[in-house]
Amino acid sequence: MNFPLVTTNWLETNLNLEQLILVDVSMSKVVGKKAIEYEMPLYIPNSRRLDLETALCDLNSSQTHAFPTEEQFTAVAQKLGVNSESIVVFYDNQGIYSAPRAWWIFQVMGFQNVFVLDGGLPQWLLENRRVVLNTSNIEDKVGSIIGIYHPQRICDSNFIFEQMNNKKLAVLDARSRERFLGMAPEPRSGVRSGHIPDSISLPYPEVFNGYCFKTDEQLTAIFSALLGNKTSTLVFSCGSGITACIILLSAVIAGYGDLILYDGSWSDWGSNIALPVAI
């Protein structure tokens, strides 16, 4: 398995696989599209629950949704029971929303055998597959995985500012086009409207067909239209670093490499008055 997605068919067939660790990483707040609401929590059988905004964010940082430390990641992953033989699958209750963020965290921390359920819980429900009202209470042994941070997969505002004249680097912004153009206010206090100069708008809902990702051919066409053939490095941004991972994952599906997440994203850039803003 080297493709970043698993299908609902694959997951249902492998739900009882000993190596499988299935994790719901749904977030309470959804930005950029109308949220799917549920009368009660629903889970795919054998799921564990992980709160991305606390367990896998560095809460000691002033940055919104700051990337976790190596130590924090290791503690969380070991508690989930992750070891070198594990197959980790993330999903969320919006189709595709926060699961790619969890996937990228594991990638950046050196764990490659991690996947996103294409379509998430909504696609699972659409296909009338079985759900439960509670997460798994299976007590696993503590895992042995140790996070090894790969800093080349994450960047900050200094990196982008220094590379603004580099024609081989492109910044793609997953926020709505209205926010990108400064026509809609930012949801976070103290953050200016607009976008990073010369960045490219790719609102994350545009990479979906229904609840699932578009095909690799469709995604390749989207990126080719936006980028042409001149770009070798792609940086992904959004409001705070969550939905940027959606379009980052879509770039992986389309066959792109050399991908970087701008962690903190527009919340970081837009709140720093020393940095230029385009509208």
C-alpha atoms as a PDB file:
ATOM      1  CA  MET A   1       0.000   0.000   0.000  1.00  0.00           C
ATOM      2  CA  ASN A   2       1.649   3.245  -1.122  1.00  0.00           C
ATOM      3  CA  PHE A   3      -1.326   5.312  -2.324  1.00  0.00           C
ATOM      4  CA  PRO A   4      -2.408   7.831   0.361  1.00  0.00           C
ATOM      5  CA  LEU A   5      -6.099   6.865   0.286  1.00  0.00           C
ATOM      6  CA  VAL A   6      -8.068   3.761   1.202  1.00  0.00           C
ATOM      7  CA  THR A   7     -11.599   3.146  -0.015  1.00  0.00           C
ATOM      8  CA  THR A   8     -14.642   2.297   2.056  1.00  0.00           C
ATOM      9  CA  ASN A   9     -14.643  -1.161   0.435  1.00  0.00           C
ATOM     10  CA  TRP A  10     -11.055  -1.782   1.511  1.00  0.00           C
ATOM     11  CA  LEU A  11     -11.732  -0.581   5.031  1.00  0.00           C
ATOM     12  CA  GLU A  12     -14.854  -2.688   5.518  1.00  0.00           C
ATOM     13  CA  THR A  13     -12.968  -5.769   4.302  1.00  0.00           C
ATOM     14  CA  ASN A  14     -10.048  -5.075   6.653  1.00  0.00           C
ATOM     15  CA  LEU A  15     -11.817  -3.731   9.752  1.00  0.00           C
ATOM     16  CA  ASN A  16     -10.671  -6.653  11.863  1.00  0.00           C
ATOM     17  CA  LEU A  17      -7.101  -6.673  10.584  1.00  0.00           C
ATOM     18  CA  GLU A  18      -4.805  -6.964  13.590  1.00  0.00           C
ATOM     19  CA  GLN A  19      -2.425  -4.275  12.355  1.00  0.00           C
ATOM     20  CA  LEU A  20      -5.186  -1.756  11.580  1.00  0.00           C
ATOM     21  CA  ILE A  21      -5.496   1.337  13.754  1.00  0.00           C
ATOM     22  CA  LEU A  22      -8.575   3.306  12.688  1.00  0.00           C
ATOM     23  CA  VAL A  23      -8.856   6.821  14.095  1.00  0.00           C
ATOM     24  CA  ASP A  24     -11.632   9.430  13.972  1.00  0.00           C
ATOM     25  CA  VAL A  25     -10.017  12.892  13.952  1.00  0.00           C
ATOM     26  CA  SER A  26     -13.154  14.978  13.350  1.00  0.00           C
ATOM     27  CA  MET A  27     -13.012  18.614  14.423  1.00  0.00           C
ATOM     28  CA  SER A  28     -15.829  20.526  16.104  1.00  0.00           C
ATOM     29  CA  LYS A  29     -15.491  23.594  13.861  1.00  0.00           C
ATOM     30  CA  VAL A  30     -15.617  23.472  10.065  1.00  0.00           C
ATOM     31  CA  VAL A  31     -14.476  26.411   7.910  1.00  0.00           C
ATOM     32  CA  GLY A  32     -14.822  26.869   4.166  1.00  0.00           C
ATOM     33  CA  LYS A  33     -17.967  24.829   3.555  1.00  0.00           C
ATOM     34  CA  LYS A  34     -21.313  24.067   5.158  1.00  0.00           C
ATOM     35  CA  ALA A  35     -20.696  21.626   7.976  1.00  0.00           C
ATOM     36  CA  ILE A  36     -22.414  18.242   8.055  1.00  0.00           C
ATOM     37  CA  GLU A  37     -24.257  18.011  11.373  1.00  0.00           C
ATOM     38  CA  TYR A  38     -25.250  14.849  13.230  1.00  0.00           C
ATOM     39  CA  GLU A  39     -27.982  14.273  15.807  1.00  0.00           C
ATOM     40  CA  MET A  40     -25.556  12.076  17.731  1.00  0.00           C
ATOM     41  CA  PRO A  41     -21.937  10.983  17.338  1.00  0.00           C
ATOM     42  CA  LEU A  42     -21.480   8.094  14.917  1.00  0.00           C
ATOM     43  CA  TYR A  43     -18.347   6.044  14.344  1.00  0.00           C
ATOM     44  CA  ILE A  44     -17.077   3.353  12.043  1.00  0.00           C
ATOM     45  CA  PRO A  45     -16.690   0.114  14.051  1.00  0.00           C
ATOM     46  CA  ASN A  46     -13.317  -0.350  15.816  1.00  0.00           C
ATOM     47  CA  SER A  47     -12.559   3.387  15.690  1.00  0.00           C
ATOM     48  CA  ARG A  48     -10.495   5.217  18.269  1.00  0.00           C
ATOM     49  CA  ARG A  49     -10.969   8.960  18.801  1.00  0.00           C
ATOM     50  CA  LEU A  50      -8.229  11.589  18.660  1.00  0.00           C
ATOM     51  CA  ASP A  51      -8.679  15.327  19.242  1.00  0.00           C
ATOM     52  CA  LEU A  52      -6.300  16.971  16.785  1.00  0.00           C
ATOM     53  CA  GLU A  53      -6.653  20.407  18.355  1.00  0.00           C
ATOM     54  CA  THR A  54      -5.313  19.266  21.705  1.00  0.00           C
ATOM     55  CA  ALA A  55      -3.458  15.961  21.315  1.00  0.00           C
ATOM     56  CA  LEU A  56      -1.581  16.847  18.123  1.00  0.00           C
ATOM     57  CA  CYS A  57      -1.135  20.613  18.420  1.00  0.00           C
ATOM     58  CA  ASP A  58       1.644  22.275  20.370  1.00  0.00           C
ATOM     59  CA  LEU A  59      -0.441  24.166  22.916  1.00  0.00           C
ATOM     60  CA  ASN A  60       2.662  25.922  24.259  1.00  0.00           C
ATOM     61  CA  SER A  61       3.009  27.798  20.971  1.00  0.00           C
ATOM     62  CA  SER A  62       1.317  31.143  20.314  1.00  0.00           C
ATOM     63  CA  GLN A  63       0.611  29.958  16.781  1.00  0.00           C
ATOM     64  CA  THR A  64      -2.852  28.656  15.903  1.00  0.00           C
ATOM     65  CA  HIS A  65      -2.824  24.870  15.362  1.00  0.00           C
ATOM     66  CA  ALA A  66       0.934  24.689  15.786  1.00  0.00           C
ATOM     67  CA  PHE A  67       2.578  21.438  14.691  1.00  0.00           C
ATOM     68  CA  PRO A  68       3.222  19.002  17.559  1.00  0.00           C
ATOM     69  CA  THR A  69       6.683  18.377  18.933  1.00  0.00           C
ATOM     70  CA  GLU A  70       8.472  15.058  18.386  1.00  0.00           C
ATOM     71  CA  GLU A  71       7.868  14.158  22.039  1.00  0.00           C
ATOM     72  CA  GLN A  72       4.183  15.020  21.848  1.00  0.00           C
ATOM     73  CA  PHE A  73       3.705  13.021  18.663  1.00  0.00           C
ATOM     74  CA  THR A  74       5.567  10.015  20.061  1.00  0.00           C
ATOM     75  CA  ALA A  75       3.447   9.958  23.225  1.00  0.00           C
ATOM     76  CA  VAL A  76       0.175  10.174  21.268  1.00  0.00           C
ATOM     77  CA  ALA A  77       1.173   7.610  18.623  1.00  0.00           C
ATOM     78  CA  GLN A  78       2.414   5.134  21.231  1.00  0.00           C
ATOM     79  CA  LYS A  79      -0.818   5.529  23.208  1.00  0.00           C
ATOM     80  CA  LEU A  80      -2.707   4.632  20.018  1.00  0.00           C
ATOM     81  CA  GLY A  81      -0.583   1.487  19.855  1.00  0.00           C
ATOM     82  CA  VAL A  82       1.326   2.409  16.723  1.00  0.00           C
ATOM     83  CA  ASN A  83       4.381   0.328  15.883  1.00  0.00           C
ATOM     84  CA  SER A  84       6.323  -0.356  12.709  1.00  0.00           C
ATOM     85  CA  GLU A  85       3.810  -2.967  11.489  1.00  0.00           C
ATOM     86  CA  SER A  86       0.730  -0.793  12.042  1.00  0.00           C
ATOM     87  CA  ILE A  87      -1.567   0.420   9.273  1.00  0.00           C
ATOM     88  CA  VAL A  88      -3.004   3.734  10.458  1.00  0.00           C
ATOM     89  CA  VAL A  89      -6.163   5.044   8.770  1.00  0.00           C
ATOM     90  CA  PHE A  90      -7.631   8.456   9.606  1.00  0.00           C
ATOM     91  CA  TYR A  91     -11.122   9.675   8.811  1.00  0.00           C
ATOM     92  CA  ASP A  92     -13.461  12.494   9.802  1.00  0.00           C
ATOM     93  CA  ASN A  93     -17.185  13.165   9.817  1.00  0.00           C
ATOM     94  CA  GLN A  94     -17.153  15.786   7.040  1.00  0.00           C
ATOM     95  CA  GLY A  95     -15.981  13.526   4.206  1.00  0.00           C
ATOM     96  CA  ILE A  96     -12.510  15.002   3.824  1.00  0.00           C
ATOM     97  CA  TYR A  97     -11.595  17.770   6.251  1.00  0.00           C
ATOM     98  CA  SER A  98      -9.229  17.183   9.174  1.00  0.00           C
ATOM     99  CA  ALA A  99      -8.038  13.653   8.319  1.00  0.00           C
ATOM    100  CA  PRO A 100      -5.372  14.914   5.855  1.00  0.00           C
ATOM    101  CA  ARG A 101      -3.868  17.038   8.636  1.00  0.00           C
ATOM    102  CA  ALA A 102      -3.404  13.960  10.829  1.00  0.00           C
ATOM    103  CA  TRP A 103      -1.999  12.072   7.828  1.00  0.00           C
ATOM    104  CA  TRP A 104       0.572  14.809   7.144  1.00  0.00           C
ATOM    105  CA  ILE A 105       1.614  14.994  10.803  1.00  0.00           C
ATOM    106  CA  PHE A 106       2.406  11.272  10.732  1.00  0.00           C
ATOM    107  CA  GLN A 107       4.256  11.691   7.417  1.00  0.00           C
ATOM    108  CA  VAL A 108       6.335  14.583   8.736  1.00  0.00           C
ATOM    109  CA  MET A 109       7.159  12.570  11.851  1.00  0.00           C
ATOM    110  CA  GLY A 110       8.543   9.754   9.720  1.00  0.00           C
ATOM    111  CA  PHE A 111       5.668   7.225   9.766  1.00  0.00           C
ATOM    112  CA  GLN A 112       4.779   6.295   6.186  1.00  0.00           C
ATOM    113  CA  ASN A 113       2.193   3.543   6.621  1.00  0.00           C
ATOM    114  CA  VAL A 114      -0.650   5.996   7.152  1.00  0.00           C
ATOM    115  CA  PHE A 115      -3.726   6.644   5.020  1.00  0.00           C
ATOM    116  CA  VAL A 116      -6.914   8.696   4.722  1.00  0.00           C
ATOM    117  CA  LEU A 117     -10.328   7.115   4.225  1.00  0.00           C
ATOM    118  CA  ASP A 118     -11.629   8.599   0.986  1.00  0.00           C
ATOM    119  CA  GLY A 119     -15.051  10.100   1.686  1.00  0.00           C
ATOM    120  CA  GLY A 120     -14.798   9.558   5.415  1.00  0.00           C
ATOM    121  CA  LEU A 121     -17.873   8.880   7.525  1.00  0.00           C
ATOM    122  CA  PRO A 122     -20.375  10.525   5.099  1.00  0.00           C
ATOM    123  CA  GLN A 123     -19.368   8.201   2.256  1.00  0.00           C
ATOM    124  CA  TRP A 124     -19.491   5.237   4.644  1.00  0.00           C
ATOM    125  CA  LEU A 125     -23.044   6.196   5.652  1.00  0.00           C
ATOM    126  CA  LEU A 126     -24.080   6.857   2.044  1.00  0.00           C
ATOM    127  CA  GLU A 127     -23.195   3.247   1.269  1.00  0.00           C
ATOM    128  CA  ASN A 128     -25.267   1.989   4.223  1.00  0.00           C
ATOM    129  CA  ARG A 129     -22.308   0.481   6.032  1.00  0.00           C
ATOM    130  CA  ARG A 130     -22.537  -0.316   9.742  1.00  0.00           C
ATOM    131  CA  VAL A 131     -21.821   2.372  12.328  1.00  0.00           C
ATOM    132  CA  VAL A 132     -21.682   2.402  16.128  1.00  0.00           C
ATOM    133  CA  LEU A 133     -22.401   5.007  18.782  1.00  0.00           C
ATOM    134  CA  ASN A 134     -19.144   4.702  20.687  1.00  0.00           C
ATOM    135  CA  THR A 135     -15.458   4.431  19.943  1.00  0.00           C
ATOM    136  CA  SER A 136     -13.527   1.234  20.564  1.00  0.00           C
ATOM    137  CA  ASN A 137     -12.689   0.391  24.172  1.00  0.00           C
ATOM    138  CA  ILE A 138     -10.019  -2.107  23.153  1.00  0.00           C
ATOM    139  CA  GLU A 139      -6.982  -1.714  25.360  1.00  0.00           C
ATOM    140  CA  ASP A 140      -3.915  -1.924  23.183  1.00  0.00           C
ATOM    141  CA  LYS A 141      -0.372  -2.406  24.238  1.00  0.00           C
ATOM    142  CA  VAL A 142       1.656   0.768  24.129  1.00  0.00           C
ATOM    143  CA  GLY A 143       3.208   1.160  20.696  1.00  0.00           C
ATOM    144  CA  SER A 144       6.904   1.446  19.973  1.00  0.00           C
ATOM    145  CA  ILE A 145       6.906   4.151  17.296  1.00  0.00           C
ATOM    146  CA  ILE A 146       9.253   7.096  17.845  1.00  0.00           C
ATOM    147  CA  GLY A 147       8.635  10.301  15.927  1.00  0.00           C
ATOM    148  CA  ILE A 148      11.487  11.711  13.860  1.00  0.00           C
ATOM    149  CA  TYR A 149      10.675  15.225  12.689  1.00  0.00           C
ATOM    150  CA  HIS A 150      11.458  16.018   9.031  1.00  0.00           C
ATOM    151  CA  PRO A 151      11.751  19.828   8.999  1.00  0.00           C
ATOM    152  CA  GLN A 152      12.011  20.086   5.217  1.00  0.00           C
ATOM    153  CA  ARG A 153       8.290  19.245   4.997  1.00  0.00           C
ATOM    154  CA  ILE A 154       7.224  22.264   7.077  1.00  0.00           C
ATOM    155  CA  CYS A 155       8.004  25.943   6.620  1.00  0.00           C
ATOM    156  CA  ASP A 156       7.399  29.297   8.276  1.00  0.00           C
ATOM    157  CA  SER A 157       6.881  32.867   7.053  1.00  0.00           C
ATOM    158  CA  ASN A 158      10.631  33.518   6.893  1.00  0.00           C
ATOM    159  CA  PHE A 159      11.070  30.736   4.353  1.00  0.00           C
ATOM    160  CA  ILE A 160       8.248  32.025   2.134  1.00  0.00           C
ATOM    161  CA  PHE A 161       9.391  35.650   2.363  1.00  0.00           C
ATOM    162  CA  GLU A 162      12.933  34.695   1.408  1.00  0.00           C
ATOM    163  CA  GLN A 163      11.653  32.614  -1.535  1.00  0.00           C
ATOM    164  CA  MET A 164       9.159  35.148  -2.931  1.00  0.00           C
ATOM    165  CA  ASN A 165      11.281  35.737  -6.035  1.00  0.00           C
ATOM    166  CA  ASN A 166      11.907  32.045  -6.617  1.00  0.00           C
ATOM    167  CA  LYS A 167       9.924  31.205  -9.758  1.00  0.00           C
ATOM    168  CA  LYS A 168      10.288  27.477  -9.079  1.00  0.00           C
ATOM    169  CA  LEU A 169       8.271  27.740  -5.874  1.00  0.00           C
ATOM    170  CA  ALA A 170       4.517  28.263  -5.731  1.00  0.00           C
ATOM    171  CA  VAL A 171       2.253  28.860  -2.732  1.00  0.00           C
ATOM    172  CA  LEU A 172      -1.264  27.441  -3.006  1.00  0.00           C
ATOM    173  CA  ASP A 173      -3.994  28.774  -0.692  1.00  0.00           C
ATOM    174  CA  ALA A 174      -6.883  26.481   0.311  1.00  0.00           C
ATOM    175  CA  ARG A 175      -9.137  29.221   1.725  1.00  0.00           C
ATOM    176  CA  SER A 176     -12.270  30.418  -0.063  1.00  0.00           C
ATOM    177  CA  ARG A 177     -11.711  32.708  -3.017  1.00  0.00           C
ATOM    178  CA  GLU A 178     -13.580  35.480  -1.150  1.00  0.00           C
ATOM    179  CA  ARG A 179     -11.106  35.331   1.734  1.00  0.00           C
ATOM    180  CA  PHE A 180      -8.182  35.060  -0.679  1.00  0.00           C
ATOM    181  CA  LEU A 181      -9.297  38.248  -2.463  1.00  0.00           C
ATOM    182  CA  GLY A 182      -9.999  40.109   0.760  1.00  0.00           C
ATOM    183  CA  MET A 183     -13.732  40.235   0.017  1.00  0.00           C
ATOM    184  CA  ALA A 184     -14.640  38.317   3.187  1.00  0.00           C
ATOM    185  CA  PRO A 185     -13.298  38.974   6.693  1.00  0.00           C
ATOM    186  CA  GLU A 186     -10.947  36.567   8.386  1.00  0.00           C
ATOM    187  CA  PRO A 187     -12.551  34.541  11.202  1.00  0.00           C
ATOM    188  CA  ARG A 188      -9.671  35.181  13.600  1.00  0.00           C
ATOM    189  CA  SER A 189      -9.182  38.495  15.383  1.00  0.00           C
ATOM    190  CA  GLY A 190      -6.161  40.553  14.391  1.00  0.00           C
ATOM    191  CA  VAL A 191      -5.642  38.811  11.033  1.00  0.00           C
ATOM    192  CA  ARG A 192      -5.643  40.998   7.930  1.00  0.00           C
ATOM    193  CA  SER A 193      -7.617  40.161   4.794  1.00  0.00           C
ATOM    194  CA  GLY A 194      -5.954  39.178   1.541  1.00  0.00           C
ATOM    195  CA  HIS A 195      -3.271  36.712   0.540  1.00  0.00           C
ATOM    196  CA  ILE A 196       0.469  36.142   0.234  1.00  0.00           C
ATOM    197  CA  PRO A 197       1.727  38.028  -2.852  1.00  0.00           C
ATOM    198  CA  ASP A 198       1.912  35.803  -5.960  1.00  0.00           C
ATOM    199  CA  SER A 199       0.192  32.905  -4.188  1.00  0.00           C
ATOM    200  CA  ILE A 200      -2.440  30.877  -6.044  1.00  0.00           C
ATOM    201  CA  SER A 201      -6.025  30.306  -4.959  1.00  0.00           C
ATOM    202  CA  LEU A 202      -7.237  26.691  -4.808  1.00  0.00           C
ATOM    203  CA  PRO A 203     -10.267  26.509  -2.473  1.00  0.00           C
ATOM    204  CA  TYR A 204     -10.222  23.029  -1.004  1.00  0.00           C
ATOM    205  CA  PRO A 205     -13.815  22.056  -2.015  1.00  0.00           C
ATOM    206  CA  GLU A 206     -12.649  22.225  -5.639  1.00  0.00           C
ATOM    207  CA  VAL A 207     -10.648  18.999  -5.269  1.00  0.00           C
ATOM    208  CA  PHE A 208     -13.739  16.923  -4.362  1.00  0.00           C
ATOM    209  CA  ASN A 209     -16.351  14.894  -6.213  1.00  0.00           C
ATOM    210  CA  GLY A 210     -19.098  14.595  -3.627  1.00  0.00           C
ATOM    211  CA  TYR A 211     -17.488  13.462  -0.373  1.00  0.00           C
ATOM    212  CA  CYS A 212     -14.421  11.952  -2.065  1.00  0.00           C
ATOM    213  CA  PHE A 213     -11.367  13.298  -3.840  1.00  0.00           C
ATOM    214  CA  LYS A 214     -11.530  13.769  -7.574  1.00  0.00           C
ATOM    215  CA  THR A 215      -9.634  11.229  -9.675  1.00  0.00           C
ATOM    216  CA  ASP A 216      -5.892  11.534 -10.137  1.00  0.00           C
ATOM    217  CA  GLU A 217      -6.485  12.583 -13.752  1.00  0.00           C
ATOM    218  CA  GLN A 218      -8.896  15.345 -12.703  1.00  0.00           C
ATOM    219  CA  LEU A 219      -6.547  16.579  -9.985  1.00  0.00           C
ATOM    220  CA  THR A 220      -3.581  16.535 -12.367  1.00  0.00           C
ATOM    221  CA  ALA A 221      -5.590  18.717 -14.760  1.00  0.00           C
ATOM    222  CA  ILE A 222      -6.384  21.187 -11.944  1.00  0.00           C
ATOM    223  CA  PHE A 223      -2.753  21.535 -10.892  1.00  0.00           C
ATOM    224  CA  SER A 224      -1.490  21.698 -14.467  1.00  0.00           C
ATOM    225  CA  ALA A 225      -3.901  24.547 -15.220  1.00  0.00           C
ATOM    226  CA  LEU A 226      -2.747  26.446 -12.141  1.00  0.00           C
ATOM    227  CA  LEU A 227       0.962  25.740 -12.309  1.00  0.00           C
ATOM    228  CA  GLY A 228       1.955  24.797 -15.814  1.00  0.00           C
ATOM    229  CA  ASN A 229       5.234  22.872 -15.944  1.00  0.00           C
ATOM    230  CA  LYS A 230       7.557  25.401 -14.303  1.00  0.00           C
ATOM    231  CA  THR A 231       7.140  24.663 -10.607  1.00  0.00           C
ATOM    232  CA  SER A 232       9.317  22.218  -8.694  1.00  0.00           C
ATOM    233  CA  THR A 233       8.332  23.035  -5.084  1.00  0.00           C
ATOM    234  CA  LEU A 234       4.803  23.532  -3.784  1.00  0.00           C
ATOM    235  CA  VAL A 235       3.935  25.206  -0.484  1.00  0.00           C
ATOM    236  CA  PHE A 236       0.414  24.819   0.902  1.00  0.00           C
ATOM    237  CA  SER A 237      -1.364  27.399   3.030  1.00  0.00           C
ATOM    238  CA  CYS A 238      -4.856  28.048   4.425  1.00  0.00           C
ATOM    239  CA  GLY A 239      -6.231  29.752   7.532  1.00  0.00           C
ATOM    240  CA  SER A 240      -4.155  27.922  10.130  1.00  0.00           C
ATOM    241  CA  GLY A 241      -2.683  24.806   8.512  1.00  0.00           C
ATOM    242  CA  ILE A 242      -5.620  22.366   8.616  1.00  0.00           C
ATOM    243  CA  THR A 243      -7.334  22.560   5.206  1.00  0.00           C
ATOM    244  CA  ALA A 244      -4.007  23.244   3.472  1.00  0.00           C
ATOM    245  CA  CYS A 245      -3.326  19.551   4.068  1.00  0.00           C
ATOM    246  CA  ILE A 246      -6.380  18.701   1.936  1.00  0.00           C
ATOM    247  CA  ILE A 247      -4.951  20.282  -1.188  1.00  0.00           C
ATOM    248  CA  LEU A 248      -1.494  18.987  -0.265  1.00  0.00           C
ATOM    249  CA  LEU A 249      -2.899  15.455  -0.234  1.00  0.00           C
ATOM    250  CA  SER A 250      -4.648  16.110  -3.549  1.00  0.00           C
ATOM    251  CA  ALA A 251      -1.262  17.100  -4.998  1.00  0.00           C
ATOM    252  CA  VAL A 252       0.166  13.769  -3.816  1.00  0.00           C
ATOM    253  CA  ILE A 253      -2.711  11.971  -5.562  1.00  0.00           C
ATOM    254  CA  ALA A 254      -1.952  13.983  -8.709  1.00  0.00           C
ATOM    255  CA  GLY A 255       1.656  12.777  -8.597  1.00  0.00           C
ATOM    256  CA  TYR A 256       3.467  15.842  -7.288  1.00  0.00           C
ATOM    257  CA  GLY A 257       6.428  15.665  -4.922  1.00  0.00           C
ATOM    258  CA  ASP A 258       8.549  18.185  -2.993  1.00  0.00           C
ATOM    259  CA  LEU A 259       5.573  19.413  -0.969  1.00  0.00           C
ATOM    260  CA  ILE A 260       5.728  21.717   2.053  1.00  0.00           C
ATOM    261  CA  LEU A 261       3.085  22.803   4.555  1.00  0.00           C
ATOM    262  CA  TYR A 262       3.149  26.400   5.766  1.00  0.00           C
ATOM    263  CA  ASP A 263       2.217  25.700   9.367  1.00  0.00           C
ATOM    264  CA  GLY A 264       0.221  28.521  10.898  1.00  0.00           C
ATOM    265  CA  SER A 265      -0.559  29.682   7.358  1.00  0.00           C
ATOM    266  CA  TRP A 266      -2.557  32.888   6.912  1.00  0.00           C
ATOM    267  CA  SER A 267      -3.188  33.299  10.657  1.00  0.00           C
ATOM    268  CA  ASP A 268       0.570  33.660  10.983  1.00  0.00           C
ATOM    269  CA  TRP A 269       1.223  35.744   7.855  1.00  0.00           C
ATOM    270  CA  GLY A 270      -1.850  37.964   8.091  1.00  0.00           C
ATOM    271  CA  SER A 271      -1.217  38.876  11.733  1.00  0.00           C
ATOM    272  CA  ASN A 272       2.373  40.019  11.061  1.00  0.00           C
ATOM    273  CA  ILE A 273       2.193  43.632   9.831  1.00  0.00           C
ATOM    274  CA  ALA A 274       5.813  43.423   8.653  1.00  0.00           C
ATOM    275  CA  LEU A 275       4.820  40.992   5.894  1.00  0.00           C
ATOM    276  CA  PRO A 276       3.299  42.153   2.584  1.00  0.00           C
ATOM    277  CA  VAL A 277      -0.329  41.406   1.723  1.00  0.00           C
ATOM    278  CA  ALA A 278      -1.999  41.287  -1.682  1.00  0.00           C
ATOM    279  CA  ILE A 279      -5.715  41.719  -2.364  1.00  0.00           C
END
